[in-house]
C-alpha atoms as a PDB file:
ATOM      1  CA  MET A   1     164.914  72.160 127.391  1.00  0.00           C
ATOM      2  CA  PRO A   2     167.116  74.194 128.162  1.00  0.00           C
ATOM      3  CA  VAL A   3     166.332  77.292 131.110  1.00  0.00           C
ATOM      4  CA  LEU A   4     168.538  79.349 133.100  1.00  0.00           C
ATOM      5  CA  ARG A   5     167.397  80.844 136.424  1.00  0.00           C
ATOM      6  CA  ASP A   6     168.764  82.663 138.829  1.00  0.00           C
ATOM      7  CA  VAL A   7     170.765  84.936 136.300  1.00  0.00           C
ATOM      8  CA  SER A   8     172.818  87.268 138.146  1.00  0.00           C
ATOM      9  CA  LEU A   9     171.318  91.431 137.077  1.00  0.00           C
ATOM     10  CA  ASN A  10     173.673  94.367 137.905  1.00  0.00           C
ATOM     11  CA  LEU A  11     171.041  97.135 137.521  1.00  0.00           C
ATOM     12  CA  ASN A  12     172.433 100.278 138.413  1.00  0.00           C
ATOM     13  CA  MET A  13     171.012 103.706 138.840  1.00  0.00           C
ATOM     14  CA  ASP A  14     171.479 105.202 135.523  1.00  0.00           C
ATOM     15  CA  GLN A  15     169.701 101.988 134.165  1.00  0.00           C
ATOM     16  CA  ALA A  16     167.012 102.612 136.057  1.00  0.00           C
ATOM     17  CA  LEU A  17     166.872 106.456 134.912  1.00  0.00           C
ATOM     18  CA  ARG A  18     167.323 105.921 131.294  1.00  0.00           C
ATOM     19  CA  ARG A  19     164.080 103.743 131.653  1.00  0.00           C
ATOM     20  CA  GLN A  20     162.346 107.374 133.266  1.00  0.00           C
ATOM     21  CA  ASP A  21     163.452 108.680 130.080  1.00  0.00           C
ATOM     22  CA  ILE A  22     166.148 110.372 131.758  1.00  0.00           C
ATOM     23  CA  ARG A  23     169.803 110.652 131.017  1.00  0.00           C
ATOM     24  CA  GLY A  24     171.652 112.223 134.211  1.00  0.00           C
ATOM     25  CA  HIS A  25     170.840 112.072 137.862  1.00  0.00           C
ATOM     26  CA  SER A  26     170.872 116.151 137.784  1.00  0.00           C
ATOM     27  CA  LYS A  27     167.998 115.875 136.026  1.00  0.00           C
ATOM     28  CA  PHE A  28     166.048 114.095 138.395  1.00  0.00           C
ATOM     29  CA  ARG A  29     164.189 115.890 141.834  1.00  0.00           C
ATOM     30  CA  PRO A  30     166.341 114.610 145.268  1.00  0.00           C
ATOM     31  CA  GLU A  31     163.381 113.875 146.349  1.00  0.00           C
ATOM     32  CA  LEU A  32     162.481 111.358 143.691  1.00  0.00           C
ATOM     33  CA  MET A  33     165.822 110.139 143.568  1.00  0.00           C
ATOM     34  CA  HIS A  34     165.309 109.102 147.486  1.00  0.00           C
ATOM     35  CA  VAL A  35     162.155 107.244 145.610  1.00  0.00           C
ATOM     36  CA  LEU A  36     164.525 105.845 144.134  1.00  0.00           C
ATOM     37  CA  ASP A  37     167.233 104.628 145.558  1.00  0.00           C
ATOM     38  CA  GLU A  38     164.543 102.802 147.885  1.00  0.00           C
ATOM     39  CA  LEU A  39     162.702 101.180 145.686  1.00  0.00           C
ATOM     40  CA  LEU A  40     165.744  99.478 144.245  1.00  0.00           C
ATOM     41  CA  ALA A  41     166.707  98.463 147.488  1.00  0.00           C
ATOM     42  CA  THR A  42     163.364  97.145 147.914  1.00  0.00           C
ATOM     43  CA  ILE A  43     163.620  94.729 145.366  1.00  0.00           C
ATOM     44  CA  GLU A  44     166.227  93.374 146.221  1.00  0.00           C
ATOM     45  CA  ASP A  45     165.099  92.832 149.910  1.00  0.00           C
ATOM     46  CA  LEU A  46     161.719  91.641 148.991  1.00  0.00           C
ATOM     47  CA  HIS A  47     163.310  90.040 145.913  1.00  0.00           C
ATOM     48  CA  LEU A  48     160.836  91.380 143.029  1.00  0.00           C
ATOM     49  CA  LEU A  49     163.081  89.923 140.353  1.00  0.00           C
ATOM     50  CA  GLU A  50     163.388  86.302 139.382  1.00  0.00           C
ATOM     51  CA  PRO A  51     165.290  86.178 136.343  1.00  0.00           C
ATOM     52  CA  ALA A  52     165.238  83.371 134.200  1.00  0.00           C
ATOM     53  CA  ILE A  53     165.209  82.566 130.416  1.00  0.00           C
ATOM     54  CA  ALA A  54     164.242  79.604 128.154  1.00  0.00           C
ATOM     55  CA  TYR A  55     166.221  78.577 125.365  1.00  0.00           C
ATOM     56  CA  GLU A  56     165.821  76.231 122.404  1.00  0.00           C
ATOM     57  CA  PHE A  57     168.438  75.641 119.338  1.00  0.00           C
ATOM     58  CA  HIS A  58     166.428  74.103 115.968  1.00  0.00           C
ATOM     59  CA  SER A  59     168.244  74.088 112.464  1.00  0.00           C
ATOM     60  CA  ILE A  60     166.903  75.538 109.944  1.00  0.00           C
ATOM     61  CA  ASN A  61     166.658  73.514 106.352  1.00  0.00           C
ATOM     62  CA  LYS A  62     166.343  76.118 103.385  1.00  0.00           C
ATOM     63  CA  VAL A  63     165.578  79.237 103.453  1.00  0.00           C
ATOM     64  CA  PHE A  64     162.809  80.651 101.873  1.00  0.00           C
ATOM     65  CA  HIS A  65     161.659  84.504 101.066  1.00  0.00           C
ATOM     66  CA  ASP A  66     158.441  83.849 103.141  1.00  0.00           C
ATOM     67  CA  GLY A  67     159.878  82.423 106.173  1.00  0.00           C
ATOM     68  CA  LEU A  68     162.299  79.123 107.231  1.00  0.00           C
ATOM     69  CA  PRO A  69     161.439  76.242 107.248  1.00  0.00           C
ATOM     70  CA  LEU A  70     163.031  74.036 110.067  1.00  0.00           C
ATOM     71  CA  LYS A  71     164.112  70.835 110.819  1.00  0.00           C
ATOM     72  CA  GLY A  72     160.892  68.775 112.344  1.00  0.00           C
ATOM     73  CA  SER A  73     156.985  70.481 111.285  1.00  0.00           C
ATOM     74  CA  GLU A  74     157.418  73.868 112.713  1.00  0.00           C
ATOM     75  CA  SER A  75     158.537  76.195 110.252  1.00  0.00           C
ATOM     76  CA  THR A  76     158.720  80.758 110.842  1.00  0.00           C
ATOM     77  CA  ASP A  77     156.502  83.064 108.836  1.00  0.00           C
ATOM     78  CA  SER A  78     158.648  86.385 108.118  1.00  0.00           C
ATOM     79  CA  SER A  79     159.828  88.159 105.475  1.00  0.00           C
ATOM     80  CA  LEU A  80     162.360  89.456 108.228  1.00  0.00           C
ATOM     81  CA  LEU A  81     163.728  86.741 109.509  1.00  0.00           C
ATOM     82  CA  SER A  82     164.580  84.796 105.790  1.00  0.00           C
ATOM     83  CA  SER A  83     166.223  88.277 104.203  1.00  0.00           C
ATOM     84  CA  VAL A  84     168.370  89.033 107.180  1.00  0.00           C
ATOM     85  CA  LEU A  85     169.438  85.593 108.111  1.00  0.00           C
ATOM     86  CA  LEU A  86     170.078  83.508 104.415  1.00  0.00           C
ATOM     87  CA  SER A  87     173.504  83.070 105.729  1.00  0.00           C
ATOM     88  CA  ALA A  88     171.897  81.464 109.164  1.00  0.00           C
ATOM     89  CA  LYS A  89     172.855  77.285 109.539  1.00  0.00           C
ATOM     90  CA  GLU A  90     170.551  77.609 113.372  1.00  0.00           C
ATOM     91  CA  LEU A  91     167.946  79.458 114.885  1.00  0.00           C
ATOM     92  CA  ALA A  92     168.016  80.176 118.926  1.00  0.00           C
ATOM     93  CA  VAL A  93     164.653  81.373 119.913  1.00  0.00           C
ATOM     94  CA  ILE A  94     164.613  82.528 123.586  1.00  0.00           C
ATOM     95  CA  VAL A  95     162.483  83.685 126.064  1.00  0.00           C
ATOM     96  CA  CYS A  96     162.940  86.260 129.270  1.00  0.00           C
ATOM     97  CA  THR A  97     160.606  86.954 132.100  1.00  0.00           C
ATOM     98  CA  ILE A  98     162.089  88.650 135.231  1.00  0.00           C
ATOM     99  CA  GLY A  99     159.101  87.150 136.678  1.00  0.00           C
ATOM    100  CA  PRO A 100     155.731  88.352 138.282  1.00  0.00           C
ATOM    101  CA  ARG A 101     155.999  89.775 141.531  1.00  0.00           C
ATOM    102  CA  LEU A 102     157.847  93.520 140.777  1.00  0.00           C
ATOM    103  CA  GLU A 103     154.367  93.564 138.762  1.00  0.00           C
ATOM    104  CA  GLU A 104     152.676  92.136 141.655  1.00  0.00           C
ATOM    105  CA  LYS A 105     154.425  94.858 144.026  1.00  0.00           C
ATOM    106  CA  VAL A 106     153.558  98.116 141.360  1.00  0.00           C
ATOM    107  CA  ALA A 107     149.912  97.025 140.735  1.00  0.00           C
ATOM    108  CA  CYS A 108     150.211  97.071 145.060  1.00  0.00           C
ATOM    109  CA  TYR A 109     151.620 100.903 145.315  1.00  0.00           C
ATOM    110  CA  SER A 110     148.653 101.624 142.697  1.00  0.00           C
ATOM    111  CA  SER A 111     145.469 100.516 144.642  1.00  0.00           C
ATOM    112  CA  ARG A 112     147.443 102.055 147.652  1.00  0.00           C
ATOM    113  CA  LYS A 113     147.178 105.364 145.595  1.00  0.00           C
ATOM    114  CA  GLU A 114     151.074 105.782 144.845  1.00  0.00           C
ATOM    115  CA  PRO A 115     151.102 106.139 141.173  1.00  0.00           C
ATOM    116  CA  MET A 116     154.625 107.398 141.473  1.00  0.00           C
ATOM    117  CA  ARG A 117     156.266 104.757 143.588  1.00  0.00           C
ATOM    118  CA  ALA A 118     154.824 102.724 140.627  1.00  0.00           C
ATOM    119  CA  LEU A 119     155.742 103.966 137.822  1.00  0.00           C
ATOM    120  CA  ILE A 120     159.410 104.032 138.365  1.00  0.00           C
ATOM    121  CA  LEU A 121     158.737 100.466 140.212  1.00  0.00           C
ATOM    122  CA  ASP A 122     157.455 100.158 136.542  1.00  0.00           C
ATOM    123  CA  GLY A 123     160.378 101.530 135.087  1.00  0.00           C
ATOM    124  CA  ILE A 124     162.755  99.966 136.873  1.00  0.00           C
ATOM    125  CA  GLY A 125     161.539  96.584 135.744  1.00  0.00           C
ATOM    126  CA  SER A 126     161.919  97.674 131.663  1.00  0.00           C
ATOM    127  CA  ALA A 127     165.668  98.011 133.057  1.00  0.00           C
ATOM    128  CA  ALA A 128     166.137  95.072 134.678  1.00  0.00           C
ATOM    129  CA  VAL A 129     163.881  93.520 131.746  1.00  0.00           C
ATOM    130  CA  ASP A 130     166.609  94.946 129.394  1.00  0.00           C
ATOM    131  CA  LEU A 131     169.659  93.165 131.287  1.00  0.00           C
ATOM    132  CA  LEU A 132     168.287  90.206 131.281  1.00  0.00           C
ATOM    133  CA  ALA A 133     167.935  90.102 127.628  1.00  0.00           C
ATOM    134  CA  GLN A 134     171.482  91.124 127.385  1.00  0.00           C
ATOM    135  CA  GLU A 135     172.831  88.017 129.026  1.00  0.00           C
ATOM    136  CA  ALA A 136     170.840  86.284 127.031  1.00  0.00           C
ATOM    137  CA  CYS A 137     172.103  87.407 123.814  1.00  0.00           C
ATOM    138  CA  HIS A 138     176.076  86.940 125.538  1.00  0.00           C
ATOM    139  CA  PHE A 139     174.909  83.824 126.834  1.00  0.00           C
ATOM    140  CA  ILE A 140     173.466  82.375 123.300  1.00  0.00           C
ATOM    141  CA  SER A 141     176.913  84.248 121.890  1.00  0.00           C
ATOM    142  CA  SER A 142     178.969  82.166 123.964  1.00  0.00           C
ATOM    143  CA  GLU A 143     177.509  79.078 122.876  1.00  0.00           C
ATOM    144  CA  ALA A 144     177.875  79.831 119.176  1.00  0.00           C
ATOM    145  CA  SER A 145     181.604  79.862 119.962  1.00  0.00           C
ATOM    146  CA  PHE A 146     181.433  77.158 120.607  1.00  0.00           C
ATOM    147  CA  ARG A 147     180.614  76.207 117.224  1.00  0.00           C
ATOM    148  CA  ASN A 148     182.520  78.599 115.002  1.00  0.00           C
ATOM    149  CA  TYR A 149     179.691  80.388 114.244  1.00  0.00           C
ATOM    150  CA  GLN A 150     178.629  83.408 115.086  1.00  0.00           C
ATOM    151  CA  VAL A 151     175.505  85.492 115.717  1.00  0.00           C
ATOM    152  CA  SER A 152     172.931  88.254 114.450  1.00  0.00           C
ATOM    153  CA  SER A 153     171.347  90.835 116.643  1.00  0.00           C
ATOM    154  CA  PRO A 154     168.396  90.071 118.514  1.00  0.00           C
ATOM    155  CA  ILE A 155     164.676  89.537 116.311  1.00  0.00           C
ATOM    156  CA  SER A 156     161.711  90.307 118.495  1.00  0.00           C
ATOM    157  CA  PRO A 157     157.582  90.023 117.325  1.00  0.00           C
ATOM    158  CA  GLY A 158     156.558  93.315 116.837  1.00  0.00           C
ATOM    159  CA  MET A 159     159.450  94.409 114.446  1.00  0.00           C
ATOM    160  CA  SER A 160     158.981  95.380 111.140  1.00  0.00           C
ATOM    161  CA  GLY A 161     158.155  92.418 108.903  1.00  0.00           C
ATOM    162  CA  LEU A 162     157.951  89.768 112.106  1.00  0.00           C
ATOM    163  CA  PRO A 163     154.305  90.684 113.239  1.00  0.00           C
ATOM    164  CA  ILE A 164     153.620  89.943 116.976  1.00  0.00           C
ATOM    165  CA  SER A 165     151.301  86.821 115.622  1.00  0.00           C
ATOM    166  CA  GLU A 166     154.048  85.034 114.993  1.00  0.00           C
ATOM    167  CA  GLN A 167     155.116  84.431 119.098  1.00  0.00           C
ATOM    168  CA  TRP A 168     152.502  81.536 118.896  1.00  0.00           C
ATOM    169  CA  HIS A 169     155.114  80.247 116.460  1.00  0.00           C
ATOM    170  CA  LEU A 170     157.925  81.260 118.688  1.00  0.00           C
ATOM    171  CA  PHE A 171     155.689  79.468 121.085  1.00  0.00           C
ATOM    172  CA  ARG A 172     155.892  76.580 120.082  1.00  0.00           C
ATOM    173  CA  LEU A 173     159.785  76.384 119.419  1.00  0.00           C
ATOM    174  CA  VAL A 174     160.757  76.943 122.708  1.00  0.00           C
ATOM    175  CA  PRO A 175     160.033  75.826 126.426  1.00  0.00           C
ATOM    176  CA  ALA A 176     158.466  79.304 127.695  1.00  0.00           C
ATOM    177  CA  GLU A 177     156.033  77.152 130.154  1.00  0.00           C
ATOM    178  CA  GLN A 178     158.952  76.102 132.273  1.00  0.00           C
ATOM    179  CA  ILE A 179     159.106  79.885 133.356  1.00  0.00           C
ATOM    180  CA  GLY A 180     155.842  80.802 133.843  1.00  0.00           C
ATOM    181  CA  VAL A 181     155.922  82.741 130.680  1.00  0.00           C
ATOM    182  CA  HIS A 182     152.467  82.189 128.566  1.00  0.00           C
ATOM    183  CA  LEU A 183     150.236  83.910 126.013  1.00  0.00           C
ATOM    184  CA  THR A 184     146.803  86.102 126.234  1.00  0.00           C
ATOM    185  CA  SER A 185     144.508  85.587 123.162  1.00  0.00           C
ATOM    186  CA  SER A 186     146.204  88.483 121.287  1.00  0.00           C
ATOM    187  CA  ALA A 187     149.585  87.118 122.154  1.00  0.00           C
ATOM    188  CA  MET A 188     151.110  89.174 124.829  1.00  0.00           C
ATOM    189  CA  MET A 189     153.646  87.548 127.406  1.00  0.00           C
ATOM    190  CA  VAL A 190     152.259  87.466 130.766  1.00  0.00           C
ATOM    191  CA  PRO A 191     153.916  88.510 132.690  1.00  0.00           C
ATOM    192  CA  ARG A 192     154.194  91.361 130.872  1.00  0.00           C
ATOM    193  CA  LYS A 193     157.762  92.543 131.838  1.00  0.00           C
ATOM    194  CA  SER A 194     158.797  89.143 129.536  1.00  0.00           C
ATOM    195  CA  VAL A 195     160.590  89.210 126.052  1.00  0.00           C
ATOM    196  CA  SER A 196     161.072  87.140 123.666  1.00  0.00           C
ATOM    197  CA  MET A 197     164.086  87.079 120.668  1.00  0.00           C
ATOM    198  CA  ILE A 198     165.214  84.890 118.231  1.00  0.00           C
ATOM    199  CA  ILE A 199     169.148  84.909 116.678  1.00  0.00           C
ATOM    200  CA  GLY A 200     170.563  84.008 113.646  1.00  0.00           C
ATOM    201  CA  ILE A 201     173.342  81.152 114.375  1.00  0.00           C
ATOM    202  CA  GLY A 202     175.969  81.150 111.409  1.00  0.00           C
ATOM    203  CA  PRO A 203     179.515  81.460 109.580  1.00  0.00           C
ATOM    204  CA  VAL A 204     178.441  85.246 108.958  1.00  0.00           C
ATOM    205  CA  MET A 205     175.722  86.905 110.250  1.00  0.00           C
ATOM    206  CA  PRO A 206     174.229  90.195 110.133  1.00  0.00           C
ATOM    207  CA  ASN A 207     174.873  92.823 113.568  1.00  0.00           C
ATOM    208  CA  TRP A 208     172.788  96.352 114.004  1.00  0.00           C
ATOM    209  CA  THR A 209     173.602  99.295 115.907  1.00  0.00           C
ATOM    210  CA  GLN A 210     170.950 100.538 118.452  1.00  0.00           C
ATOM    211  CA  ALA A 211     169.920 103.146 116.267  1.00  0.00           C
ATOM    212  CA  GLU A 212     169.229 100.372 112.934  1.00  0.00           C
ATOM    213  CA  VAL A 213     167.670  98.196 115.747  1.00  0.00           C
ATOM    214  CA  CYS A 214     165.440 101.009 116.963  1.00  0.00           C
ATOM    215  CA  ASN A 215     164.704 101.680 113.051  1.00  0.00           C
ATOM    216  CA  ARG A 216     163.404  98.323 112.670  1.00  0.00           C
ATOM    217  CA  CYS A 217     160.595  98.980 115.166  1.00  0.00           C
ATOM    218  CA  ARG A 218     157.128  99.878 114.782  1.00  0.00           C
ATOM    219  CA  ILE A 219     157.112 102.362 117.517  1.00  0.00           C
ATOM    220  CA  ASN A 220     159.975 104.038 116.441  1.00  0.00           C
ATOM    221  CA  LYS A 221     158.561 107.704 115.710  1.00  0.00           C
ATOM    222  CA  THR A 222     157.051 107.106 118.904  1.00  0.00           C
ATOM    223  CA  CYS A 223     159.501 105.373 121.854  1.00  0.00           C
ATOM    224  CA  PRO A 224     161.334 107.558 124.616  1.00  0.00           C
ATOM    225  CA  TYR A 225     163.880 104.708 125.097  1.00  0.00           C
ATOM    226  CA  ARG A 226     164.746 104.706 120.850  1.00  0.00           C
ATOM    227  CA  VAL A 227     168.198 105.108 120.112  1.00  0.00           C
ATOM    228  CA  ASP A 228     168.832 107.843 116.926  1.00  0.00           C
ATOM    229  CA  ASN A 229     172.529 106.903 116.184  1.00  0.00           C
END
């Protein structure tokens, strides 16, 4: 089962700032910029990022209104998938993680009563996961191009029409345990800095703008990272 490790993540200051809900360096106080610089260096020095991607391709038998039966015994039970991926021939099921080390360092800062460092480092970790998910999408797109296929925008459990409980189905379709990711009883991923996705592969596949992706998210009204246009 395919696994990619040591994925290069070129995390920059702008990406880290966006995950602090800040657009532009001028809005960040100089002393906080110093902390951010220091934490970005710490990530590299202490090897806090261990990016890894587990993925698997599954052929689709037929599209039904309430799900996608796959070759073999598994299926997905999602009206969102079936409505969006009508022309898909395959599904790419993906789980990405940056590993547990950054979370452990965040917990260390919290236990030492350094909440600012904990908060900023947590945001950097979220930015790293965002970047890793983009790298995973680029990889799947490249693989699909060898088949002369297109890829859809990624769909993740928790989006409207794909409940978080679908994580259980998804984790039966991809070797997430090989990169150290597992589910809690409430279907949340551990390590927390992980993301799961399903991408449709076929001759003509729908793609959404980031704003359209945000509109489909169940927390789009309150998320500080949403894109409106």
